[in-house]
Amino acid sequence: MQEPDVVVLCGSGVLRSLDVTAALLEAHPHARLVVTGGRGHSTPALLAAVRRRTSADVPDDDGRSESSVLAALLVAHHGVDPDRITLEEASTHCGENASLTAPLLPDGRVVVVQDPTMQRRTHESFVHALAGRDVSLASHAPFVPDVRPDGGYDDAGHRAWDLDRLVDLVRGEVRRLRDDARGYGPRGAGFIGHVDLPPAVESASAVLAEAFPGTSRA
């Protein structure tokens, strides 16, 4: 990987992203870090993950943004210099992660780290938000999920999502990538450009919809 000017860490409940981000910052000591994320659907999952992984006495909801929680963990547990960190604390979803972070980014090379279930939509959102800018954008998924009967696991063997949450996220991504009134594309919210979804993805999503009719984000 070429030396990035900025690493962007998006708020989520996947703490493996912290390890990957810290490794990127160690490997590229001149890169700055922007942590983006206010409060959204992943906030309860993030706080629960912090309690599980760190045994910290984290309140159910103390009003903090996802970005402030993640930045504090990077400083406390990974030794990241707080002077390298800029926070974006107003966004509530991936589209706003991109649109509100874009003004904070200089031209140059940017690497985006995100929950792998939301990586494609996040990447498309940053491509759209940075259109016309002299920015080289790369996405860096922290791991490829290992899907098991009880959920999705990261590459360190930790369960990142129970099965219902994983299906909820995946089906929600398919819905948001569609270019229709409910999606993120030009015919919908306008956070991304048009994306062609492969027929196999649509078929798989239909199978999941039948097997898990109660998922909420789809």
N, C-alpha and C. Protein backbone atom coordinates (compact mmCIF):
# COMPACT_ATOMS: atom_id res chain seq x y z
N MET A 1 0.84 -1.19 0.00
CA MET A 1 0.00 0.00 0.00
C MET A 1 0.88 1.25 0.00
N GLN A 2 0.55 2.22 -0.87
CA GLN A 2 1.26 3.49 -0.85
C GLN A 2 0.97 4.24 0.44
N GLU A 3 1.89 5.11 0.80
CA GLU A 3 1.72 5.90 2.02
C GLU A 3 0.45 6.74 1.94
N PRO A 4 -0.54 6.49 2.81
CA PRO A 4 -1.74 7.32 2.79
C PRO A 4 -1.48 8.64 3.52
N ASP A 5 -2.19 9.67 3.08
CA ASP A 5 -2.14 10.94 3.81
C ASP A 5 -3.10 10.91 4.99
N VAL A 6 -4.22 10.21 4.82
CA VAL A 6 -5.23 10.13 5.86
C VAL A 6 -5.81 8.72 5.90
N VAL A 7 -6.00 8.21 7.10
CA VAL A 7 -6.79 7.00 7.32
C VAL A 7 -8.12 7.44 7.92
N VAL A 8 -9.22 6.95 7.35
CA VAL A 8 -10.55 7.25 7.87
C VAL A 8 -11.10 5.98 8.51
N LEU A 9 -11.44 6.06 9.78
CA LEU A 9 -12.09 4.95 10.48
C LEU A 9 -13.55 5.31 10.68
N CYS A 10 -14.45 4.47 10.17
CA CYS A 10 -15.88 4.71 10.29
C CYS A 10 -16.43 4.00 11.52
N GLY A 11 -17.33 4.67 12.20
CA GLY A 11 -17.93 4.10 13.40
C GLY A 11 -18.75 2.86 13.10
N SER A 12 -18.59 1.85 13.94
CA SER A 12 -19.36 0.61 13.83
C SER A 12 -19.17 -0.17 15.12
N GLY A 13 -19.81 -1.32 15.20
CA GLY A 13 -19.65 -2.18 16.37
C GLY A 13 -18.55 -3.21 16.22
N VAL A 14 -17.73 -3.10 15.17
CA VAL A 14 -16.68 -4.08 14.88
C VAL A 14 -15.35 -3.57 15.43
N LEU A 15 -14.93 -4.10 16.57
CA LEU A 15 -13.72 -3.59 17.21
C LEU A 15 -12.44 -4.05 16.53
N ARG A 16 -12.52 -5.07 15.69
CA ARG A 16 -11.33 -5.47 14.94
C ARG A 16 -10.83 -4.32 14.07
N SER A 17 -11.72 -3.42 13.71
CA SER A 17 -11.32 -2.25 12.92
C SER A 17 -10.29 -1.41 13.66
N LEU A 18 -10.34 -1.42 14.99
CA LEU A 18 -9.35 -0.66 15.76
C LEU A 18 -7.95 -1.23 15.59
N ASP A 19 -7.84 -2.56 15.63
CA ASP A 19 -6.53 -3.20 15.47
C ASP A 19 -5.95 -2.87 14.10
N VAL A 20 -6.79 -2.97 13.08
CA VAL A 20 -6.35 -2.72 11.71
C VAL A 20 -5.95 -1.26 11.53
N THR A 21 -6.75 -0.36 12.08
CA THR A 21 -6.43 1.06 11.97
C THR A 21 -5.13 1.39 12.68
N ALA A 22 -4.94 0.85 13.87
CA ALA A 22 -3.71 1.09 14.61
C ALA A 22 -2.49 0.57 13.84
N ALA A 23 -2.65 -0.59 13.20
CA ALA A 23 -1.54 -1.15 12.41
C ALA A 23 -1.22 -0.26 11.22
N LEU A 24 -2.26 0.27 10.57
CA LEU A 24 -2.03 1.19 9.45
C LEU A 24 -1.29 2.45 9.91
N LEU A 25 -1.69 2.98 11.05
CA LEU A 25 -1.04 4.19 11.55
C LEU A 25 0.40 3.92 11.95
N GLU A 26 0.66 2.74 12.49
CA GLU A 26 2.04 2.40 12.85
C GLU A 26 2.90 2.23 11.60
N ALA A 27 2.32 1.62 10.57
CA ALA A 27 3.07 1.40 9.33
C ALA A 27 3.27 2.68 8.54
N HIS A 28 2.39 3.65 8.75
CA HIS A 28 2.45 4.91 8.00
C HIS A 28 2.44 6.07 9.00
N PRO A 29 3.59 6.36 9.60
CA PRO A 29 3.64 7.30 10.73
C PRO A 29 3.29 8.74 10.39
N HIS A 30 3.28 9.09 9.11
CA HIS A 30 2.95 10.47 8.75
C HIS A 30 1.47 10.64 8.43
N ALA A 31 0.72 9.56 8.42
CA ALA A 31 -0.71 9.65 8.10
C ALA A 31 -1.48 10.18 9.29
N ARG A 32 -2.48 11.00 8.99
CA ARG A 32 -3.41 11.45 10.02
C ARG A 32 -4.61 10.52 10.05
N LEU A 33 -5.39 10.62 11.11
CA LEU A 33 -6.57 9.77 11.27
C LEU A 33 -7.80 10.65 11.45
N VAL A 34 -8.84 10.35 10.68
CA VAL A 34 -10.16 10.93 10.91
C VAL A 34 -11.08 9.80 11.35
N VAL A 35 -11.69 9.94 12.51
CA VAL A 35 -12.67 8.96 12.98
C VAL A 35 -14.05 9.59 12.80
N THR A 36 -14.90 8.92 12.02
CA THR A 36 -16.20 9.49 11.68
C THR A 36 -17.33 8.64 12.26
N GLY A 37 -18.29 9.31 12.85
CA GLY A 37 -19.45 8.60 13.39
C GLY A 37 -20.05 9.34 14.57
N GLY A 38 -21.30 9.71 14.42
CA GLY A 38 -22.02 10.31 15.54
C GLY A 38 -22.73 9.23 16.32
N ARG A 39 -24.03 9.16 16.14
CA ARG A 39 -24.83 8.14 16.81
C ARG A 39 -25.81 7.58 15.78
N GLY A 40 -25.89 6.24 15.72
CA GLY A 40 -26.76 5.60 14.75
C GLY A 40 -27.10 4.19 15.18
N HIS A 41 -27.47 3.35 14.20
CA HIS A 41 -27.92 2.00 14.53
C HIS A 41 -26.81 1.14 15.13
N SER A 42 -25.54 1.50 14.88
CA SER A 42 -24.43 0.70 15.40
C SER A 42 -23.99 1.11 16.80
N THR A 43 -24.50 2.22 17.32
CA THR A 43 -24.03 2.71 18.61
C THR A 43 -24.24 1.70 19.75
N PRO A 44 -25.43 1.12 19.92
CA PRO A 44 -25.58 0.11 20.98
C PRO A 44 -24.66 -1.09 20.78
N ALA A 45 -24.48 -1.52 19.52
CA ALA A 45 -23.59 -2.65 19.25
C ALA A 45 -22.15 -2.31 19.61
N LEU A 46 -21.74 -1.08 19.34
CA LEU A 46 -20.38 -0.67 19.69
C LEU A 46 -20.17 -0.71 21.20
N LEU A 47 -21.08 -0.14 21.96
CA LEU A 47 -20.93 -0.11 23.41
C LEU A 47 -20.94 -1.53 23.99
N ALA A 48 -21.79 -2.39 23.44
CA ALA A 48 -21.83 -3.79 23.90
C ALA A 48 -20.52 -4.49 23.58
N ALA A 49 -19.96 -4.23 22.40
CA ALA A 49 -18.69 -4.85 22.02
C ALA A 49 -17.56 -4.39 22.92
N VAL A 50 -17.56 -3.12 23.28
CA VAL A 50 -16.53 -2.61 24.19
C VAL A 50 -16.62 -3.31 25.54
N ARG A 51 -17.82 -3.50 26.04
CA ARG A 51 -17.98 -4.20 27.32
C ARG A 51 -17.46 -5.63 27.23
N ARG A 52 -17.77 -6.31 26.12
CA ARG A 52 -17.35 -7.72 25.98
C ARG A 52 -15.84 -7.84 25.85
N ARG A 53 -15.24 -6.98 25.05
CA ARG A 53 -13.84 -7.16 24.69
C ARG A 53 -12.86 -6.54 25.69
N THR A 54 -13.28 -5.51 26.40
CA THR A 54 -12.34 -4.81 27.28
C THR A 54 -12.67 -4.95 28.75
N SER A 55 -13.84 -5.54 29.06
CA SER A 55 -14.31 -5.65 30.45
C SER A 55 -14.44 -4.28 31.10
N ALA A 56 -14.59 -3.25 30.26
CA ALA A 56 -14.72 -1.89 30.79
C ALA A 56 -16.14 -1.66 31.30
N ASP A 57 -16.25 -0.80 32.27
CA ASP A 57 -17.55 -0.44 32.82
C ASP A 57 -18.14 0.66 31.93
N VAL A 58 -18.70 0.25 30.81
CA VAL A 58 -19.24 1.20 29.84
C VAL A 58 -20.74 1.29 30.03
N PRO A 59 -21.28 2.49 30.22
CA PRO A 59 -22.73 2.61 30.39
C PRO A 59 -23.46 2.24 29.12
N ASP A 60 -24.73 1.84 29.27
CA ASP A 60 -25.52 1.47 28.11
C ASP A 60 -25.59 2.60 27.10
N ASP A 61 -25.71 3.83 27.56
CA ASP A 61 -25.80 4.96 26.65
C ASP A 61 -25.47 6.23 27.42
N ASP A 62 -24.25 6.71 27.24
CA ASP A 62 -23.84 7.93 27.94
C ASP A 62 -23.84 9.14 27.02
N GLY A 63 -24.39 8.98 25.82
CA GLY A 63 -24.52 10.11 24.91
C GLY A 63 -23.32 10.40 24.05
N ARG A 64 -22.22 9.66 24.23
CA ARG A 64 -21.04 9.93 23.42
C ARG A 64 -21.21 9.46 21.98
N SER A 65 -20.49 10.10 21.09
CA SER A 65 -20.50 9.68 19.69
C SER A 65 -19.66 8.42 19.52
N GLU A 66 -19.96 7.68 18.45
CA GLU A 66 -19.15 6.50 18.13
C GLU A 66 -17.70 6.89 17.90
N SER A 67 -17.48 8.00 17.21
CA SER A 67 -16.10 8.40 16.91
C SER A 67 -15.32 8.71 18.18
N SER A 68 -15.95 9.33 19.16
CA SER A 68 -15.22 9.64 20.40
C SER A 68 -14.89 8.38 21.18
N VAL A 69 -15.79 7.39 21.16
CA VAL A 69 -15.53 6.12 21.83
C VAL A 69 -14.36 5.40 21.17
N LEU A 70 -14.38 5.33 19.84
CA LEU A 70 -13.33 4.63 19.12
C LEU A 70 -11.99 5.34 19.27
N ALA A 71 -12.00 6.66 19.20
CA ALA A 71 -10.75 7.40 19.36
C ALA A 71 -10.15 7.18 20.74
N ALA A 72 -10.99 7.18 21.77
CA ALA A 72 -10.50 6.95 23.13
C ALA A 72 -9.87 5.57 23.26
N LEU A 73 -10.46 4.57 22.62
CA LEU A 73 -9.90 3.22 22.66
C LEU A 73 -8.57 3.15 21.93
N LEU A 74 -8.46 3.84 20.80
CA LEU A 74 -7.19 3.86 20.06
C LEU A 74 -6.08 4.49 20.88
N VAL A 75 -6.40 5.54 21.60
CA VAL A 75 -5.40 6.21 22.43
C VAL A 75 -5.04 5.34 23.63
N ALA A 76 -6.05 4.80 24.31
CA ALA A 76 -5.81 4.07 25.56
C ALA A 76 -5.21 2.69 25.35
N HIS A 77 -5.66 1.98 24.31
CA HIS A 77 -5.27 0.58 24.15
C HIS A 77 -4.27 0.34 23.02
N HIS A 78 -4.11 1.31 22.12
CA HIS A 78 -3.20 1.12 21.00
C HIS A 78 -2.10 2.18 20.94
N GLY A 79 -2.11 3.11 21.86
CA GLY A 79 -1.04 4.10 21.93
C GLY A 79 -1.02 5.11 20.81
N VAL A 80 -2.15 5.34 20.16
CA VAL A 80 -2.21 6.33 19.08
C VAL A 80 -2.13 7.73 19.68
N ASP A 81 -1.30 8.57 19.08
CA ASP A 81 -1.15 9.95 19.53
C ASP A 81 -2.45 10.72 19.27
N PRO A 82 -3.08 11.27 20.30
CA PRO A 82 -4.34 11.99 20.08
C PRO A 82 -4.20 13.18 19.15
N ASP A 83 -2.98 13.72 19.02
CA ASP A 83 -2.78 14.86 18.13
C ASP A 83 -2.91 14.48 16.65
N ARG A 84 -2.88 13.18 16.37
CA ARG A 84 -3.06 12.73 14.98
C ARG A 84 -4.53 12.57 14.60
N ILE A 85 -5.43 12.71 15.56
CA ILE A 85 -6.83 12.33 15.37
C ILE A 85 -7.73 13.55 15.21
N THR A 86 -8.59 13.50 14.20
CA THR A 86 -9.68 14.46 14.03
C THR A 86 -10.99 13.69 14.12
N LEU A 87 -11.96 14.24 14.83
CA LEU A 87 -13.26 13.58 14.99
C LEU A 87 -14.32 14.26 14.12
N GLU A 88 -15.18 13.43 13.55
CA GLU A 88 -16.42 13.89 12.89
C GLU A 88 -17.54 13.24 13.69
N GLU A 89 -18.35 14.02 14.40
CA GLU A 89 -19.27 13.47 15.38
C GLU A 89 -20.74 13.69 15.07
N ALA A 90 -21.06 14.14 13.86
CA ALA A 90 -22.46 14.46 13.56
C ALA A 90 -23.16 13.43 12.68
N SER A 91 -22.41 12.58 11.99
CA SER A 91 -23.02 11.66 11.03
C SER A 91 -23.81 10.56 11.73
N THR A 92 -24.86 10.10 11.06
CA THR A 92 -25.73 9.05 11.63
C THR A 92 -25.80 7.81 10.75
N HIS A 93 -25.16 7.82 9.59
CA HIS A 93 -25.15 6.65 8.70
C HIS A 93 -23.99 6.80 7.72
N CYS A 94 -23.80 5.78 6.88
CA CYS A 94 -22.64 5.74 6.00
C CYS A 94 -22.59 6.91 5.02
N GLY A 95 -23.76 7.30 4.50
CA GLY A 95 -23.78 8.41 3.57
C GLY A 95 -23.25 9.68 4.20
N GLU A 96 -23.67 9.94 5.44
CA GLU A 96 -23.18 11.12 6.14
C GLU A 96 -21.74 10.95 6.61
N ASN A 97 -21.32 9.70 6.91
CA ASN A 97 -19.89 9.48 7.19
C ASN A 97 -19.06 10.09 6.08
N ALA A 98 -19.47 9.86 4.85
CA ALA A 98 -18.72 10.36 3.70
C ALA A 98 -18.94 11.85 3.48
N SER A 99 -20.20 12.28 3.43
CA SER A 99 -20.47 13.68 3.08
C SER A 99 -19.95 14.65 4.13
N LEU A 100 -19.96 14.26 5.41
CA LEU A 100 -19.48 15.15 6.46
C LEU A 100 -17.98 15.03 6.69
N THR A 101 -17.39 13.92 6.26
CA THR A 101 -15.94 13.75 6.40
C THR A 101 -15.19 14.36 5.22
N ALA A 102 -15.78 14.34 4.05
CA ALA A 102 -15.10 14.84 2.85
C ALA A 102 -14.50 16.24 3.04
N PRO A 103 -15.21 17.19 3.65
CA PRO A 103 -14.60 18.52 3.82
C PRO A 103 -13.38 18.53 4.75
N LEU A 104 -13.22 17.49 5.55
CA LEU A 104 -12.09 17.41 6.48
C LEU A 104 -10.85 16.81 5.83
N LEU A 105 -10.99 16.29 4.61
CA LEU A 105 -9.91 15.56 3.97
C LEU A 105 -9.14 16.44 3.00
N PRO A 106 -7.81 16.40 3.04
CA PRO A 106 -7.02 17.08 2.02
C PRO A 106 -7.00 16.26 0.75
N ASP A 107 -6.60 16.86 -0.35
CA ASP A 107 -6.33 16.07 -1.54
C ASP A 107 -5.15 15.15 -1.24
N GLY A 108 -5.13 14.01 -1.91
CA GLY A 108 -4.07 13.04 -1.68
C GLY A 108 -4.61 11.64 -1.58
N ARG A 109 -3.95 10.79 -0.81
CA ARG A 109 -4.33 9.39 -0.69
C ARG A 109 -5.07 9.15 0.62
N VAL A 110 -6.25 8.53 0.50
CA VAL A 110 -7.12 8.28 1.64
C VAL A 110 -7.47 6.80 1.69
N VAL A 111 -7.36 6.20 2.86
CA VAL A 111 -7.75 4.81 3.08
C VAL A 111 -8.92 4.79 4.07
N VAL A 112 -9.99 4.09 3.71
CA VAL A 112 -11.19 4.02 4.54
C VAL A 112 -11.32 2.63 5.15
N VAL A 113 -11.45 2.57 6.48
CA VAL A 113 -11.64 1.32 7.21
C VAL A 113 -13.07 1.30 7.73
N GLN A 114 -13.78 0.22 7.46
CA GLN A 114 -15.19 0.13 7.82
C GLN A 114 -15.56 -1.32 8.13
N ASP A 115 -16.61 -1.49 8.92
CA ASP A 115 -17.26 -2.79 9.09
C ASP A 115 -17.42 -3.43 7.71
N PRO A 116 -16.92 -4.67 7.50
CA PRO A 116 -16.95 -5.24 6.16
C PRO A 116 -18.35 -5.40 5.57
N THR A 117 -19.37 -5.51 6.41
CA THR A 117 -20.73 -5.63 5.87
C THR A 117 -21.20 -4.31 5.27
N MET A 118 -20.56 -3.21 5.61
CA MET A 118 -20.95 -1.90 5.09
C MET A 118 -19.89 -1.28 4.20
N GLN A 119 -18.86 -2.06 3.86
CA GLN A 119 -17.70 -1.51 3.15
C GLN A 119 -18.06 -1.01 1.75
N ARG A 120 -18.84 -1.78 1.00
CA ARG A 120 -19.12 -1.37 -0.38
C ARG A 120 -19.93 -0.07 -0.41
N ARG A 121 -20.96 0.00 0.40
CA ARG A 121 -21.78 1.22 0.42
C ARG A 121 -20.95 2.41 0.90
N THR A 122 -20.12 2.19 1.90
CA THR A 122 -19.28 3.28 2.40
C THR A 122 -18.32 3.76 1.33
N HIS A 123 -17.69 2.82 0.63
CA HIS A 123 -16.76 3.20 -0.44
C HIS A 123 -17.48 4.01 -1.51
N GLU A 124 -18.65 3.53 -1.93
CA GLU A 124 -19.41 4.27 -2.95
C GLU A 124 -19.80 5.66 -2.45
N SER A 125 -20.11 5.77 -1.16
CA SER A 125 -20.47 7.07 -0.59
C SER A 125 -19.30 8.04 -0.63
N PHE A 126 -18.09 7.55 -0.33
CA PHE A 126 -16.92 8.42 -0.38
C PHE A 126 -16.56 8.77 -1.82
N VAL A 127 -16.69 7.83 -2.74
CA VAL A 127 -16.46 8.15 -4.15
C VAL A 127 -17.37 9.29 -4.58
N HIS A 128 -18.63 9.22 -4.19
CA HIS A 128 -19.61 10.26 -4.56
C HIS A 128 -19.27 11.59 -3.88
N ALA A 129 -18.95 11.54 -2.59
CA ALA A 129 -18.69 12.77 -1.84
C ALA A 129 -17.41 13.46 -2.28
N LEU A 130 -16.46 12.69 -2.81
CA LEU A 130 -15.17 13.24 -3.22
C LEU A 130 -15.07 13.45 -4.72
N ALA A 131 -16.17 13.33 -5.44
CA ALA A 131 -16.16 13.50 -6.90
C ALA A 131 -15.59 14.87 -7.26
N GLY A 132 -14.68 14.86 -8.24
CA GLY A 132 -14.06 16.10 -8.68
C GLY A 132 -12.84 16.51 -7.88
N ARG A 133 -12.58 15.81 -6.78
CA ARG A 133 -11.41 16.10 -5.94
C ARG A 133 -10.22 15.27 -6.41
N ASP A 134 -9.02 15.76 -6.12
CA ASP A 134 -7.80 15.03 -6.45
C ASP A 134 -7.45 14.11 -5.28
N VAL A 135 -8.31 13.09 -5.11
CA VAL A 135 -8.16 12.16 -4.00
C VAL A 135 -8.09 10.74 -4.55
N SER A 136 -7.07 10.00 -4.14
CA SER A 136 -6.96 8.58 -4.46
C SER A 136 -7.54 7.81 -3.28
N LEU A 137 -8.64 7.08 -3.54
CA LEU A 137 -9.40 6.45 -2.46
C LEU A 137 -9.23 4.94 -2.48
N ALA A 138 -8.94 4.38 -1.33
CA ALA A 138 -8.86 2.93 -1.19
C ALA A 138 -9.67 2.50 0.02
N SER A 139 -10.28 1.32 -0.07
CA SER A 139 -10.99 0.74 1.06
C SER A 139 -10.16 -0.39 1.65
N HIS A 140 -10.21 -0.51 2.96
CA HIS A 140 -9.42 -1.53 3.65
C HIS A 140 -10.34 -2.23 4.65
N ALA A 141 -10.95 -3.33 4.20
CA ALA A 141 -11.81 -4.09 5.11
C ALA A 141 -10.95 -4.74 6.19
N PRO A 142 -11.37 -4.68 7.44
CA PRO A 142 -10.54 -5.24 8.51
C PRO A 142 -10.40 -6.75 8.45
N PHE A 143 -11.37 -7.44 7.83
CA PHE A 143 -11.32 -8.89 7.69
C PHE A 143 -12.44 -9.32 6.75
N VAL A 144 -12.34 -10.54 6.25
CA VAL A 144 -13.43 -11.17 5.50
C VAL A 144 -14.21 -12.01 6.50
N PRO A 145 -15.50 -11.75 6.69
CA PRO A 145 -16.25 -12.47 7.73
C PRO A 145 -16.26 -13.98 7.51
N ASP A 146 -16.10 -14.69 8.61
CA ASP A 146 -16.23 -16.14 8.63
C ASP A 146 -17.65 -16.44 9.14
N VAL A 147 -18.53 -16.86 8.24
CA VAL A 147 -19.94 -17.05 8.59
C VAL A 147 -20.14 -18.46 9.12
N ARG A 148 -20.68 -18.54 10.34
CA ARG A 148 -20.95 -19.82 11.00
C ARG A 148 -22.43 -19.86 11.38
N PRO A 149 -22.92 -21.02 11.82
CA PRO A 149 -24.35 -21.11 12.16
C PRO A 149 -24.82 -20.12 13.21
N ASP A 150 -23.91 -19.65 14.07
CA ASP A 150 -24.33 -18.73 15.13
C ASP A 150 -23.94 -17.28 14.86
N GLY A 151 -23.43 -16.98 13.65
CA GLY A 151 -23.11 -15.59 13.33
C GLY A 151 -21.86 -15.44 12.50
N GLY A 152 -21.33 -14.22 12.48
CA GLY A 152 -20.13 -13.91 11.70
C GLY A 152 -18.95 -13.61 12.61
N TYR A 153 -17.80 -14.20 12.29
CA TYR A 153 -16.60 -14.07 13.12
C TYR A 153 -15.52 -13.32 12.37
N ASP A 154 -14.67 -12.61 13.14
CA ASP A 154 -13.55 -11.93 12.52
C ASP A 154 -12.36 -12.87 12.41
N ASP A 155 -11.25 -12.37 11.89
CA ASP A 155 -10.09 -13.22 11.64
C ASP A 155 -9.32 -13.55 12.91
N ALA A 156 -9.71 -12.96 14.04
CA ALA A 156 -9.10 -13.30 15.32
C ALA A 156 -9.96 -14.28 16.11
N GLY A 157 -11.07 -14.73 15.51
CA GLY A 157 -11.93 -15.71 16.16
C GLY A 157 -12.99 -15.14 17.08
N HIS A 158 -13.15 -13.82 17.07
CA HIS A 158 -14.19 -13.19 17.88
C HIS A 158 -15.48 -13.09 17.07
N ARG A 159 -16.61 -13.34 17.73
CA ARG A 159 -17.88 -13.19 17.03
C ARG A 159 -18.22 -11.71 16.92
N ALA A 160 -18.28 -11.22 15.70
CA ALA A 160 -18.55 -9.81 15.45
C ALA A 160 -20.05 -9.51 15.45
N TRP A 161 -20.86 -10.47 15.01
CA TRP A 161 -22.31 -10.30 14.95
C TRP A 161 -22.98 -11.64 15.23
N ASP A 162 -24.10 -11.63 15.96
CA ASP A 162 -24.90 -12.86 15.99
C ASP A 162 -25.58 -13.01 14.63
N LEU A 163 -26.22 -14.14 14.40
CA LEU A 163 -26.72 -14.43 13.06
C LEU A 163 -27.80 -13.44 12.62
N ASP A 164 -28.72 -13.12 13.52
CA ASP A 164 -29.78 -12.18 13.15
C ASP A 164 -29.21 -10.81 12.79
N ARG A 165 -28.24 -10.34 13.56
CA ARG A 165 -27.63 -9.04 13.28
C ARG A 165 -26.89 -9.07 11.95
N LEU A 166 -26.16 -10.16 11.68
CA LEU A 166 -25.43 -10.27 10.42
C LEU A 166 -26.38 -10.24 9.23
N VAL A 167 -27.45 -11.02 9.29
CA VAL A 167 -28.42 -11.03 8.20
C VAL A 167 -29.06 -9.66 8.05
N ASP A 168 -29.37 -9.02 9.16
CA ASP A 168 -29.96 -7.69 9.15
C ASP A 168 -29.06 -6.70 8.41
N LEU A 169 -27.77 -6.73 8.73
CA LEU A 169 -26.82 -5.83 8.09
C LEU A 169 -26.69 -6.11 6.60
N VAL A 170 -26.55 -7.39 6.25
CA VAL A 170 -26.35 -7.74 4.85
C VAL A 170 -27.57 -7.39 4.01
N ARG A 171 -28.74 -7.74 4.49
CA ARG A 171 -29.96 -7.39 3.74
C ARG A 171 -30.14 -5.88 3.65
N GLY A 172 -29.78 -5.19 4.72
CA GLY A 172 -29.87 -3.73 4.69
C GLY A 172 -28.93 -3.12 3.67
N GLU A 173 -27.75 -3.72 3.50
CA GLU A 173 -26.82 -3.22 2.49
C GLU A 173 -27.36 -3.38 1.09
N VAL A 174 -27.93 -4.54 0.81
CA VAL A 174 -28.50 -4.78 -0.53
C VAL A 174 -29.58 -3.75 -0.82
N ARG A 175 -30.44 -3.53 0.16
CA ARG A 175 -31.52 -2.56 -0.05
C ARG A 175 -30.96 -1.17 -0.32
N ARG A 176 -29.93 -0.77 0.39
CA ARG A 176 -29.39 0.58 0.24
C ARG A 176 -28.56 0.74 -1.02
N LEU A 177 -27.99 -0.34 -1.54
CA LEU A 177 -27.22 -0.25 -2.78
C LEU A 177 -28.11 -0.21 -4.02
N ARG A 178 -29.36 -0.59 -3.88
CA ARG A 178 -30.28 -0.51 -5.02
C ARG A 178 -30.51 0.95 -5.40
N ASP A 179 -30.61 1.19 -6.69
CA ASP A 179 -30.89 2.55 -7.17
C ASP A 179 -32.39 2.71 -7.36
N ASP A 180 -33.09 2.85 -6.24
CA ASP A 180 -34.53 3.06 -6.27
C ASP A 180 -34.89 4.05 -5.16
N ALA A 181 -36.17 4.26 -4.94
CA ALA A 181 -36.61 5.29 -4.00
C ALA A 181 -36.13 5.02 -2.58
N ARG A 182 -35.90 3.75 -2.22
CA ARG A 182 -35.47 3.42 -0.85
C ARG A 182 -33.96 3.29 -0.72
N GLY A 183 -33.25 3.39 -1.83
CA GLY A 183 -31.82 3.17 -1.81
C GLY A 183 -31.01 4.44 -1.65
N TYR A 184 -29.70 4.28 -1.75
CA TYR A 184 -28.77 5.40 -1.59
C TYR A 184 -28.42 6.06 -2.92
N GLY A 185 -28.87 5.47 -4.04
CA GLY A 185 -28.46 5.94 -5.36
C GLY A 185 -29.17 7.21 -5.80
N PRO A 186 -28.94 7.61 -7.08
CA PRO A 186 -29.53 8.85 -7.60
C PRO A 186 -31.05 8.89 -7.54
N ARG A 187 -31.71 7.75 -7.61
CA ARG A 187 -33.17 7.73 -7.55
C ARG A 187 -33.70 7.73 -6.12
N GLY A 188 -32.79 7.68 -5.17
CA GLY A 188 -33.19 7.65 -3.76
C GLY A 188 -32.55 8.79 -2.98
N ALA A 189 -31.74 8.43 -1.98
CA ALA A 189 -31.16 9.44 -1.09
C ALA A 189 -30.06 10.26 -1.73
N GLY A 190 -29.46 9.74 -2.81
CA GLY A 190 -28.44 10.51 -3.51
C GLY A 190 -27.07 10.52 -2.85
N PHE A 191 -26.77 9.53 -2.02
CA PHE A 191 -25.46 9.48 -1.38
C PHE A 191 -24.42 8.75 -2.22
N ILE A 192 -24.86 7.96 -3.20
CA ILE A 192 -23.94 7.21 -4.05
C ILE A 192 -24.39 7.33 -5.50
N GLY A 193 -23.48 6.94 -6.41
CA GLY A 193 -23.87 6.83 -7.80
C GLY A 193 -24.62 5.53 -8.04
N HIS A 194 -24.97 5.29 -9.30
CA HIS A 194 -25.68 4.07 -9.64
C HIS A 194 -24.78 2.86 -9.45
N VAL A 195 -25.30 1.82 -8.82
CA VAL A 195 -24.59 0.55 -8.63
C VAL A 195 -25.43 -0.56 -9.23
N ASP A 196 -24.82 -1.38 -10.08
CA ASP A 196 -25.51 -2.55 -10.64
C ASP A 196 -25.32 -3.73 -9.69
N LEU A 197 -26.40 -4.22 -9.13
CA LEU A 197 -26.33 -5.38 -8.24
C LEU A 197 -26.40 -6.65 -9.07
N PRO A 198 -25.45 -7.57 -8.91
CA PRO A 198 -25.49 -8.82 -9.66
C PRO A 198 -26.75 -9.62 -9.34
N PRO A 199 -27.32 -10.32 -10.32
CA PRO A 199 -28.50 -11.15 -10.07
C PRO A 199 -28.30 -12.14 -8.93
N ALA A 200 -27.10 -12.68 -8.81
CA ALA A 200 -26.85 -13.65 -7.73
C ALA A 200 -27.00 -13.01 -6.35
N VAL A 201 -26.64 -11.74 -6.24
CA VAL A 201 -26.79 -11.04 -4.96
C VAL A 201 -28.27 -10.83 -4.65
N GLU A 202 -29.03 -10.43 -5.66
CA GLU A 202 -30.47 -10.24 -5.46
C GLU A 202 -31.15 -11.56 -5.10
N SER A 203 -30.73 -12.63 -5.75
CA SER A 203 -31.32 -13.94 -5.45
C SER A 203 -30.99 -14.37 -4.02
N ALA A 204 -29.75 -14.16 -3.61
CA ALA A 204 -29.35 -14.53 -2.25
C ALA A 204 -30.11 -13.69 -1.23
N SER A 205 -30.31 -12.41 -1.54
CA SER A 205 -31.06 -11.56 -0.62
C SER A 205 -32.50 -12.03 -0.48
N ALA A 206 -33.09 -12.49 -1.59
CA ALA A 206 -34.46 -13.00 -1.54
C ALA A 206 -34.55 -14.26 -0.68
N VAL A 207 -33.54 -15.12 -0.76
CA VAL A 207 -33.51 -16.32 0.07
C VAL A 207 -33.44 -15.93 1.55
N LEU A 208 -32.59 -14.95 1.87
CA LEU A 208 -32.48 -14.49 3.25
C LEU A 208 -33.78 -13.86 3.74
N ALA A 209 -34.45 -13.13 2.86
CA ALA A 209 -35.72 -12.49 3.24
C ALA A 209 -36.76 -13.54 3.61
N GLU A 210 -36.75 -14.65 2.90
CA GLU A 210 -37.71 -15.72 3.19
C GLU A 210 -37.35 -16.44 4.48
N ALA A 211 -36.04 -16.61 4.71
CA ALA A 211 -35.60 -17.35 5.90
C ALA A 211 -35.62 -16.49 7.16
N PHE A 212 -35.44 -15.17 6.98
CA PHE A 212 -35.38 -14.25 8.13
C PHE A 212 -36.33 -13.09 7.88
N PRO A 213 -37.62 -13.32 7.94
CA PRO A 213 -38.59 -12.27 7.58
C PRO A 213 -38.62 -11.10 8.56
N GLY A 214 -38.05 -11.25 9.72
CA GLY A 214 -38.17 -10.20 10.73
C GLY A 214 -37.04 -9.19 10.74
N THR A 215 -36.08 -9.29 9.81
CA THR A 215 -34.97 -8.35 9.82
C THR A 215 -35.48 -6.94 9.60
N SER A 216 -34.93 -5.99 10.35
CA SER A 216 -35.52 -4.65 10.41
C SER A 216 -34.93 -3.66 9.44
N ARG A 217 -33.65 -3.79 9.05
CA ARG A 217 -33.02 -2.77 8.24
C ARG A 217 -33.31 -2.94 6.76
N ALA A 218 -33.92 -4.06 6.36
CA ALA A 218 -34.21 -4.27 4.94
C ALA A 218 -35.56 -3.68 4.58
